[in-house]
């Protein structure tokens, strides 16, 4: 494979744990599934493996040089069974300088299959052929039993040497017929680790002609969770002055989610999920406890795909603040229905009650608690709890709490909200054993809503 991809110039230890797992399986002449949700960087990993000049020496050691890699990009409507066979044939001839077997113009797919089988048999017997199918989700619906069985037979047609297959997909594939027994190894691709994320930012700095401060780099990584797509686009927004990382975290999330590109990436991730997986994320983002939900298959899948990560104390959390905010603020018909179902499933809920003149009473299934609030905080609590579930604008809050609207800044209201959270959140978190609970939600484009 000619070094034509940008990944050929990545550092040799890029995604080291993931690449090692994949190459270890190939070293053992096994086939592999690479699974990762939208934008997680599956294709970066694949292109790194097929194009980086040091991969074979680094990971295949004594077998370096005994492998030939074919990279088939399955994106696009034209990549059906015939197109895949033709691309493999083309790359085999291009790499090996092999004399081609004529099949041009053949109407019968079997003629192309026979041509590919002859070409594979002509490869040096010591070589292990690795055929990587990138973006395979797009081709999969157009393929059937015959395609997968042919791949299994193609592998068996070599008297010496081996063929390994690698499928890069967003979700694990359905049954692959005779090929299924070969795919025992799965490599889950999640967000970038800190060092890889830092390397990605530095490559973006070169591309953008810009240098971020160390603090800005750390915040970009923290807020995006190392998701490659989030990270790249957040860096561009920062460089263009469209986000201000020195501001409050909630404001930064609001700025990021104003970007159509960022929102589209969030929606791609969301649309990759099943209804039950969405239910788990909504439960976490909106702090709606649901018995047994975190023990099911949906939660397990979210952990494997790294949308849920360990948060200490045996708890899990959504992998980054940006995506958590996106999920929490979703207001589609589907989301509203899930929220209603989750809330209806609670035997006892949380109540936060304003008791004049300045007391707040908190009731949970675990017990009750009380605290005293200063006048402005008590006024804010009364405002936000006046109508259950309603989101209040900045002007609504300013009018009700301060008695006037126009002269109160957004920042003043944001600070008041922050102070009320500091008074209530720690009490509720301890009582319900939910370390991420917050009593006030930011509702994008509207204002604030009280939870409880």
Protein backbone atom coordinates (compact mmCIF):
# COMPACT_ATOMS: atom_id res chain seq x y z
CA UNK A 1 0.00 0.00 0.00
CA UNK A 2 1.45 3.37 -1.02
CA UNK A 3 1.74 5.85 1.84
CA UNK A 4 -1.06 8.13 0.63
CA UNK A 5 -3.04 8.62 3.86
CA UNK A 6 -2.34 11.34 6.43
CA UNK A 7 -2.24 8.60 9.07
CA UNK A 8 1.06 7.42 7.54
CA UNK A 9 2.65 10.41 9.29
CA UNK A 10 1.06 9.89 12.71
CA UNK A 11 3.40 8.94 15.59
CA UNK A 12 4.21 5.20 15.68
CA UNK A 13 2.48 4.77 19.06
CA UNK A 14 -0.84 6.23 17.83
CA UNK A 15 -3.77 4.40 19.49
CA UNK A 16 -1.24 1.89 20.75
CA UNK A 17 -3.57 -0.35 22.75
CA UNK A 18 -6.14 -0.60 19.93
CA UNK A 19 -3.60 -1.15 17.17
CA UNK A 20 -1.79 -3.75 19.24
CA UNK A 21 -4.99 -5.69 19.85
CA UNK A 22 -5.81 -5.74 16.14
CA UNK A 23 -2.29 -6.67 15.02
CA UNK A 24 -1.97 -9.33 17.72
CA UNK A 25 -5.05 -11.04 16.27
CA UNK A 26 -3.66 -10.75 12.73
CA UNK A 27 -0.29 -12.13 13.93
CA UNK A 28 -2.24 -15.23 14.97
CA UNK A 29 -3.84 -15.30 11.50
CA UNK A 30 -7.27 -14.46 12.89
CA UNK A 31 -9.98 -12.17 11.54
CA UNK A 32 -11.20 -9.10 13.46
CA UNK A 33 -14.22 -6.83 13.88
CA UNK A 34 -13.42 -3.17 14.62
CA UNK A 35 -16.47 -1.56 16.20
CA UNK A 36 -16.96 2.08 17.13
CA UNK A 37 -19.78 4.60 17.03
CA UNK A 38 -19.89 7.65 14.76
CA UNK A 39 -16.76 9.80 14.66
CA UNK A 40 -14.72 7.67 17.06
CA UNK A 41 -11.88 7.21 14.56
CA UNK A 42 -12.23 3.66 13.23
CA UNK A 43 -11.10 4.72 9.77
CA UNK A 44 -8.10 6.57 11.23
CA UNK A 45 -7.01 3.33 12.91
CA UNK A 46 -7.53 1.31 9.72
CA UNK A 47 -5.65 3.77 7.53
CA UNK A 48 -2.86 3.95 10.09
CA UNK A 49 -2.46 0.17 10.01
CA UNK A 50 -2.38 -0.09 6.22
CA UNK A 51 -0.19 2.94 5.52
CA UNK A 52 2.21 3.65 8.38
CA UNK A 53 5.74 2.50 7.47
CA UNK A 54 6.57 1.30 11.01
CA UNK A 55 3.43 -0.69 11.86
CA UNK A 56 4.64 -4.10 10.73
CA UNK A 57 8.03 -3.88 12.46
CA UNK A 58 6.51 -2.49 15.63
CA UNK A 59 3.68 -4.97 16.10
CA UNK A 60 4.33 -8.00 13.87
CA UNK A 61 8.01 -8.35 14.86
CA UNK A 62 9.39 -11.61 13.44
CA UNK A 63 6.54 -11.78 10.91
CA UNK A 64 7.12 -8.26 9.63
CA UNK A 65 7.14 -8.38 5.87
CA UNK A 66 5.00 -11.51 5.77
CA UNK A 67 1.76 -9.55 5.46
CA UNK A 68 0.10 -7.75 2.55
CA UNK A 69 -2.74 -5.33 3.32
CA UNK A 70 -5.72 -4.49 1.11
CA UNK A 71 -7.88 -1.54 2.17
CA UNK A 72 -11.39 -1.50 0.67
CA UNK A 73 -13.41 1.69 1.29
CA UNK A 74 -17.02 0.51 1.25
CA UNK A 75 -18.60 3.97 1.49
CA UNK A 76 -20.95 5.00 -1.29
CA UNK A 77 -23.86 3.37 -3.13
CA UNK A 78 -21.65 1.80 -5.84
CA UNK A 79 -19.75 -0.43 -3.43
CA UNK A 80 -21.69 -3.66 -3.84
CA UNK A 81 -20.43 -7.20 -4.27
CA UNK A 82 -18.95 -6.65 -7.72
CA UNK A 83 -17.30 -3.36 -6.74
CA UNK A 84 -15.62 -4.96 -3.71
CA UNK A 85 -14.20 -7.83 -5.75
CA UNK A 86 -12.91 -5.44 -8.41
CA UNK A 87 -11.22 -3.21 -5.83
CA UNK A 88 -9.45 -6.18 -4.22
CA UNK A 89 -8.28 -7.36 -7.65
CA UNK A 90 -7.05 -3.88 -8.54
CA UNK A 91 -5.03 -3.51 -5.34
CA UNK A 92 -3.53 -7.00 -5.60
CA UNK A 93 -2.25 -6.26 -9.07
CA UNK A 94 -1.06 -2.79 -8.16
CA UNK A 95 0.90 -3.99 -5.13
CA UNK A 96 2.35 -7.19 -6.50
CA UNK A 97 2.89 -6.31 -10.13
CA UNK A 98 0.97 -9.46 -10.93
CA UNK A 99 -0.28 -10.20 -14.40
CA UNK A 100 -4.04 -9.79 -14.34
CA UNK A 101 -6.63 -12.32 -15.32
CA UNK A 102 -9.14 -10.84 -17.74
CA UNK A 103 -12.66 -10.39 -16.46
CA UNK A 104 -13.52 -6.96 -17.88
CA UNK A 105 -17.07 -6.74 -19.14
CA UNK A 106 -18.09 -9.99 -17.47
CA UNK A 107 -21.78 -9.98 -16.64
CA UNK A 108 -21.64 -13.06 -14.46
CA UNK A 109 -20.39 -12.31 -10.94
CA UNK A 110 -18.97 -15.83 -10.87
CA UNK A 111 -16.43 -14.89 -13.55
CA UNK A 112 -15.10 -12.12 -11.31
CA UNK A 113 -15.04 -14.47 -8.34
CA UNK A 114 -13.01 -16.98 -10.33
CA UNK A 115 -10.62 -14.23 -11.45
CA UNK A 116 -10.10 -13.12 -7.85
CA UNK A 117 -9.55 -16.70 -6.69
CA UNK A 118 -6.84 -17.19 -9.33
CA UNK A 119 -5.22 -13.91 -8.38
CA UNK A 120 -5.16 -14.84 -4.68
CA UNK A 121 -3.59 -18.22 -5.48
CA UNK A 122 -0.82 -16.49 -7.41
CA UNK A 123 0.37 -14.56 -4.34
CA UNK A 124 3.66 -15.71 -2.84
CA UNK A 125 2.79 -18.64 -0.55
CA UNK A 126 4.56 -17.16 2.50
CA UNK A 127 2.42 -13.98 2.41
CA UNK A 128 -0.56 -13.56 4.72
CA UNK A 129 -3.19 -11.42 3.03
CA UNK A 130 -5.24 -9.02 5.18
CA UNK A 131 -8.35 -7.56 3.53
CA UNK A 132 -9.81 -4.64 5.50
CA UNK A 133 -13.36 -3.52 4.78
CA UNK A 134 -13.73 0.08 5.97
CA UNK A 135 -17.18 1.71 6.39
CA UNK A 136 -18.59 -1.78 5.94
CA UNK A 137 -21.98 -0.74 7.41
CA UNK A 138 -22.76 0.99 4.13
CA UNK A 139 -22.16 -2.06 1.96
CA UNK A 140 -23.58 -4.68 4.36
CA UNK A 141 -27.30 -4.20 3.48
CA UNK A 142 -26.52 -4.84 -0.21
CA UNK A 143 -24.66 -8.08 0.43
CA UNK A 144 -26.01 -11.51 1.14
CA UNK A 145 -25.16 -15.05 2.10
CA UNK A 146 -23.29 -15.72 -1.15
CA UNK A 147 -20.79 -12.91 -0.53
CA UNK A 148 -19.80 -14.05 2.95
CA UNK A 149 -19.65 -17.70 2.00
CA UNK A 150 -17.43 -16.79 -0.95
CA UNK A 151 -15.02 -14.95 1.37
CA UNK A 152 -14.86 -18.05 3.56
CA UNK A 153 -14.14 -20.25 0.52
CA UNK A 154 -11.58 -17.76 -0.79
CA UNK A 155 -9.70 -18.05 2.47
CA UNK A 156 -9.74 -21.84 2.22
CA UNK A 157 -8.53 -21.80 -1.40
CA UNK A 158 -4.93 -20.99 -0.47
CA UNK A 159 -2.88 -24.11 0.12
CA UNK A 160 -0.30 -22.10 2.03
CA UNK A 161 -0.42 -18.64 3.52
CA UNK A 162 -3.60 -17.19 4.94
CA UNK A 163 -6.33 -14.62 4.42
CA UNK A 164 -7.60 -12.59 7.38
CA UNK A 165 -10.57 -10.26 7.18
CA UNK A 166 -11.11 -7.03 9.13
CA UNK A 167 -14.54 -5.38 9.19
CA UNK A 168 -14.80 -1.79 10.49
CA UNK A 169 -18.39 -1.00 11.48
CA UNK A 170 -20.39 1.23 13.81
CA UNK A 171 -22.14 -1.74 15.38
CA UNK A 172 -21.40 -5.44 15.45
CA UNK A 173 -22.61 -7.19 12.33
CA UNK A 174 -25.37 -9.75 12.12
CA UNK A 175 -24.70 -13.37 11.23
CA UNK A 176 -22.12 -13.76 8.46
CA UNK A 177 -22.93 -17.34 7.55
CA UNK A 178 -19.82 -19.49 6.93
CA UNK A 179 -17.56 -16.52 7.71
CA UNK A 180 -19.04 -16.08 11.19
CA UNK A 181 -16.81 -18.65 12.87
CA UNK A 182 -13.70 -16.64 11.92
CA UNK A 183 -14.75 -13.44 13.70
CA UNK A 184 -14.04 -14.18 17.35
CA UNK A 185 -11.93 -11.05 17.95
CA UNK A 186 -13.59 -7.66 18.53
CA UNK A 187 -11.75 -4.38 19.04
CA UNK A 188 -13.92 -1.57 20.40
CA UNK A 189 -12.80 1.90 19.29
CA UNK A 190 -13.72 4.71 21.69
CA UNK A 191 -12.53 8.28 22.26
CA UNK A 192 -8.85 9.16 22.15
CA UNK A 193 -6.77 8.78 25.29
CA UNK A 194 -5.06 11.90 26.63
CA UNK A 195 -1.77 11.50 24.73
CA UNK A 196 -3.49 10.72 21.41
CA UNK A 197 -5.90 13.63 21.94
CA UNK A 198 -2.97 15.94 22.65
CA UNK A 199 -1.26 14.71 19.48
CA UNK A 200 -4.46 15.36 17.51
CA UNK A 201 -4.62 18.93 18.82
CA UNK A 202 -1.00 19.56 17.86
CA UNK A 203 -1.63 18.29 14.34
CA UNK A 204 -4.64 20.60 14.15
CA UNK A 205 -2.45 23.48 15.31
CA UNK A 206 -0.12 22.85 12.37
CA UNK A 207 -3.08 22.65 10.00
CA UNK A 208 -4.68 25.83 11.37
CA UNK A 209 -1.46 27.80 11.78
CA UNK A 210 -2.36 28.39 15.42
CA UNK A 211 -1.05 27.47 18.87
CA UNK A 212 -3.33 26.85 21.85
CA UNK A 213 -2.18 27.27 25.42
CA UNK A 214 -1.65 24.22 27.62
CA UNK A 215 -4.79 25.13 29.59
CA UNK A 216 -6.83 25.42 26.38
CA UNK A 217 -5.62 22.03 25.19
CA UNK A 218 -6.60 20.41 28.48
CA UNK A 219 -10.06 22.00 28.42
CA UNK A 220 -10.64 20.94 24.82
CA UNK A 221 -9.82 17.36 25.77
CA UNK A 222 -11.88 17.43 28.96
CA UNK A 223 -15.00 18.99 27.42
CA UNK A 224 -15.01 16.74 24.33
CA UNK A 225 -13.92 13.58 26.11
CA UNK A 226 -11.34 12.98 23.38
CA UNK A 227 -13.98 12.24 20.73
CA UNK A 228 -11.96 12.90 17.54
CA UNK A 229 -14.78 14.73 15.72
CA UNK A 230 -15.72 16.89 18.70
CA UNK A 231 -12.07 17.65 19.38
CA UNK A 232 -11.22 18.73 15.84
CA UNK A 233 -14.23 21.00 15.43
CA UNK A 234 -14.02 22.48 18.94
CA UNK A 235 -10.41 23.45 18.17
CA UNK A 236 -11.52 25.20 14.98
CA UNK A 237 -14.25 27.06 16.85
CA UNK A 238 -11.74 28.15 19.51
CA UNK A 239 -9.29 29.38 16.90
CA UNK A 240 -12.07 31.36 15.16
CA UNK A 241 -13.15 32.96 18.45
CA UNK A 242 -16.57 31.29 18.49
CA UNK A 243 -16.08 29.74 21.92
CA UNK A 244 -14.51 31.20 25.06
CA UNK A 245 -12.96 28.53 27.27
CA UNK A 246 -12.38 31.03 30.08
CA UNK A 247 -16.12 31.29 30.74
CA UNK A 248 -18.36 29.08 32.90
CA UNK A 249 -18.60 25.47 31.75
CA UNK A 250 -22.33 25.67 30.96
CA UNK A 251 -21.74 28.68 28.72
CA UNK A 252 -18.98 26.87 26.85
CA UNK A 253 -21.32 23.91 26.24
CA UNK A 254 -23.96 26.29 24.92
CA UNK A 255 -21.42 27.89 22.56
CA UNK A 256 -20.25 24.50 21.29
CA UNK A 257 -23.79 23.28 20.65
CA UNK A 258 -24.56 26.35 18.57
CA UNK A 259 -22.25 24.88 15.95
CA UNK A 260 -24.18 22.94 13.32
CA UNK A 261 -21.17 20.65 12.80
CA UNK A 262 -20.94 19.78 16.51
CA UNK A 263 -24.69 19.20 16.76
CA UNK A 264 -24.64 17.00 13.67
CA UNK A 265 -21.88 14.87 15.22
CA UNK A 266 -23.92 14.57 18.43
CA UNK A 267 -26.99 13.57 16.43
CA UNK A 268 -24.99 10.96 14.50
CA UNK A 269 -23.92 9.39 17.79
CA UNK A 270 -27.50 9.54 19.04
CA UNK A 271 -28.94 7.98 15.90
CA UNK A 272 -26.48 5.07 16.17
CA UNK A 273 -28.23 3.95 19.37
CA UNK A 274 -31.19 1.71 20.09
CA UNK A 275 -34.17 2.97 22.08
CA UNK A 276 -33.00 1.13 25.19
CA UNK A 277 -29.49 2.60 24.92
CA UNK A 278 -31.03 6.06 24.58
CA UNK A 279 -33.09 5.36 27.67
CA UNK A 280 -29.92 4.64 29.66
CA UNK A 281 -28.25 7.88 28.53
CA UNK A 282 -31.34 9.98 29.25
CA UNK A 283 -31.51 8.45 32.71
CA UNK A 284 -27.89 9.46 33.35
CA UNK A 285 -28.07 12.91 31.74
CA UNK A 286 -31.29 13.91 33.51
CA UNK A 287 -30.63 12.13 36.78
CA UNK A 288 -33.74 9.97 36.63
CA UNK A 289 -32.94 6.83 38.64
CA UNK A 290 -34.32 3.63 37.11
CA UNK A 291 -33.94 0.33 38.93
CA UNK A 292 -31.89 -2.26 37.06
CA UNK A 293 -31.29 -0.05 34.01
CA UNK A 294 -27.52 0.09 34.53
CA UNK A 295 -27.29 -3.69 34.81
CA UNK A 296 -28.79 -4.49 31.42
CA UNK A 297 -27.38 -5.23 27.97
CA UNK A 298 -27.91 -1.65 26.78
CA UNK A 299 -25.73 -0.21 29.53
CA UNK A 300 -23.11 -2.87 28.87
CA UNK A 301 -23.01 -1.90 25.19
CA UNK A 302 -22.62 1.79 26.10
CA UNK A 303 -19.69 0.91 28.33
CA UNK A 304 -18.06 -1.17 25.58
CA UNK A 305 -18.47 1.69 23.12
CA UNK A 306 -17.16 4.16 25.75
CA UNK A 307 -20.23 6.40 25.81
CA UNK A 308 -20.41 5.49 29.50
CA UNK A 309 -17.19 5.61 31.51
CA UNK A 310 -16.15 4.93 35.09
CA UNK A 311 -16.72 7.96 37.31
CA UNK A 312 -15.35 6.62 40.61
CA UNK A 313 -17.10 4.93 43.49
CA UNK A 314 -18.55 2.29 41.23
CA UNK A 315 -20.54 4.90 39.31
CA UNK A 316 -20.61 5.53 35.58
CA UNK A 317 -21.12 8.78 33.68
CA UNK A 318 -21.56 9.96 30.10
CA UNK A 319 -18.08 10.23 28.61
CA UNK A 320 -17.95 14.01 28.24
CA UNK A 321 -19.74 17.17 29.33
CA UNK A 322 -20.52 18.16 25.75
CA UNK A 323 -22.45 15.00 24.91
CA UNK A 324 -24.09 14.89 28.34
CA UNK A 325 -25.40 18.41 27.75
CA UNK A 326 -26.64 17.48 24.29
CA UNK A 327 -28.56 14.47 25.65
CA UNK A 328 -29.95 16.41 28.61
CA UNK A 329 -31.31 19.19 26.38
CA UNK A 330 -32.88 16.98 23.70
CA UNK A 331 -36.60 17.68 23.39
CA UNK A 332 -37.73 15.38 20.58
CA UNK A 333 -40.99 13.46 20.75
CA UNK A 334 -39.03 10.24 21.31
CA UNK A 335 -37.06 11.75 24.20
CA UNK A 336 -40.16 13.16 25.89
CA UNK A 337 -41.79 9.74 25.73
CA UNK A 338 -38.72 8.08 27.28
CA UNK A 339 -38.59 10.69 30.06
CA UNK A 340 -42.26 10.13 30.85
CA UNK A 341 -41.73 6.37 30.99
CA UNK A 342 -38.67 6.72 33.25
CA UNK A 343 -40.44 9.09 35.61
CA UNK A 344 -43.55 6.93 35.70
CA UNK A 345 -41.38 3.96 36.66
CA UNK A 346 -40.17 5.58 39.87
CA UNK A 347 -41.92 4.31 43.00
CA UNK A 348 -41.07 7.53 44.84
CA UNK A 349 -39.60 10.63 43.32
CA UNK A 350 -37.65 13.63 44.45
CA UNK A 351 -39.47 16.68 45.86
CA UNK A 352 -37.85 20.05 46.47
CA UNK A 353 -40.35 22.36 48.13
CA UNK A 354 -40.08 26.09 48.87
CA UNK A 355 -41.46 26.79 52.37
CA UNK A 356 -41.86 30.54 53.12
CA UNK A 357 -40.25 32.62 54.29
CA UNK A 358 -36.81 31.14 53.44
CA UNK A 359 -36.69 27.38 53.90
CA UNK A 360 -36.30 24.59 51.33
CA UNK A 361 -37.48 21.08 52.16
CA UNK A 362 -36.04 18.13 50.25
CA UNK A 363 -37.77 14.76 50.19
CA UNK A 364 -36.34 11.61 48.57
CA UNK A 365 -36.98 7.89 48.95
CA UNK A 366 -33.90 7.86 51.21
CA UNK A 367 -35.20 10.51 53.63
CA UNK A 368 -35.66 14.26 54.06
CA UNK A 369 -33.48 17.29 54.58
CA UNK A 370 -33.92 21.04 55.07
CA UNK A 371 -31.81 24.11 54.52
CA UNK A 372 -32.23 27.87 54.79
CA UNK A 373 -31.79 30.10 51.73
CA UNK A 374 -30.92 33.79 51.42
CA UNK A 375 -33.77 35.95 50.02
CA UNK A 376 -32.56 36.03 46.38
CA UNK A 377 -31.98 32.26 46.28
CA UNK A 378 -35.37 31.62 47.84
CA UNK A 379 -36.94 33.91 45.24
CA UNK A 380 -35.19 31.97 42.46
CA UNK A 381 -36.41 28.67 43.90
CA UNK A 382 -40.00 29.98 44.08
CA UNK A 383 -39.75 31.21 40.48
CA UNK A 384 -38.41 27.94 39.05
CA UNK A 385 -40.86 25.73 40.98
CA UNK A 386 -43.96 27.84 40.23
CA UNK A 387 -44.97 25.54 37.35
CA UNK A 388 -43.59 21.99 37.31
CA UNK A 389 -41.44 21.17 34.29
CA UNK A 390 -41.51 24.67 32.81
CA UNK A 391 -38.34 26.27 31.44
CA UNK A 392 -38.00 29.94 32.44
CA UNK A 393 -36.19 32.59 30.42
CA UNK A 394 -33.61 35.02 31.81
CA UNK A 395 -36.20 37.82 31.63
CA UNK A 396 -38.78 35.68 33.48
CA UNK A 397 -36.31 35.07 36.29
CA UNK A 398 -35.12 38.68 36.43
CA UNK A 399 -38.69 39.97 36.66
CA UNK A 400 -39.82 37.49 39.30
CA UNK A 401 -36.69 37.50 41.45
CA UNK A 402 -35.42 41.06 41.17
CA UNK A 403 -38.72 42.75 40.35
CA UNK A 404 -37.46 44.15 37.03
CA UNK A 405 -36.07 42.74 33.81
CA UNK A 406 -33.92 44.71 31.45
CA UNK A 407 -31.17 45.85 33.81
CA UNK A 408 -30.22 42.37 35.05
CA UNK A 409 -27.41 40.71 33.08
CA UNK A 410 -27.40 37.10 31.92
CA UNK A 411 -24.23 36.61 33.97
CA UNK A 412 -25.98 37.81 37.16
CA UNK A 413 -28.76 35.26 36.68
CA UNK A 414 -26.20 32.53 35.84
CA UNK A 415 -24.34 33.25 39.08
CA UNK A 416 -27.59 33.11 41.06
CA UNK A 417 -28.40 29.73 39.50
CA UNK A 418 -24.92 28.52 40.37
CA UNK A 419 -25.34 29.58 44.01
CA UNK A 420 -28.69 27.75 44.31
CA UNK A 421 -27.14 24.60 42.87
CA UNK A 422 -24.36 24.77 45.46
CA UNK A 423 -26.95 24.90 48.25
CA UNK A 424 -29.20 22.08 47.03
CA UNK A 425 -27.17 19.71 44.85
CA UNK A 426 -24.79 18.37 47.55
CA UNK A 427 -27.71 17.48 49.83
CA UNK A 428 -29.62 15.60 47.13
CA UNK A 429 -26.50 13.87 45.76
CA UNK A 430 -25.72 12.42 49.17
CA UNK A 431 -29.30 11.33 49.78
CA UNK A 432 -29.86 9.57 46.44
CA UNK A 433 -26.22 8.50 45.94
CA UNK A 434 -26.10 10.18 42.53
CA UNK A 435 -22.88 12.26 42.23
CA UNK A 436 -23.86 14.03 38.98
CA UNK A 437 -27.32 15.27 40.05
CA UNK A 438 -28.09 18.96 39.53
CA UNK A 439 -31.34 20.62 40.56
CA UNK A 440 -31.41 23.13 37.69
CA UNK A 441 -31.12 22.19 34.02
CA UNK A 442 -29.82 24.55 31.33
CA UNK A 443 -32.37 24.48 28.51
CA UNK A 444 -30.58 25.55 25.35
CA UNK A 445 -32.14 28.57 23.67
CA UNK A 446 -34.63 29.12 26.52
CA UNK A 447 -33.14 29.43 30.01
CA UNK A 448 -33.45 27.22 33.09
CA UNK A 449 -35.72 24.48 34.39
CA UNK A 450 -35.94 23.08 37.93
CA UNK A 451 -35.76 19.33 38.50
CA UNK A 452 -37.75 18.21 41.48
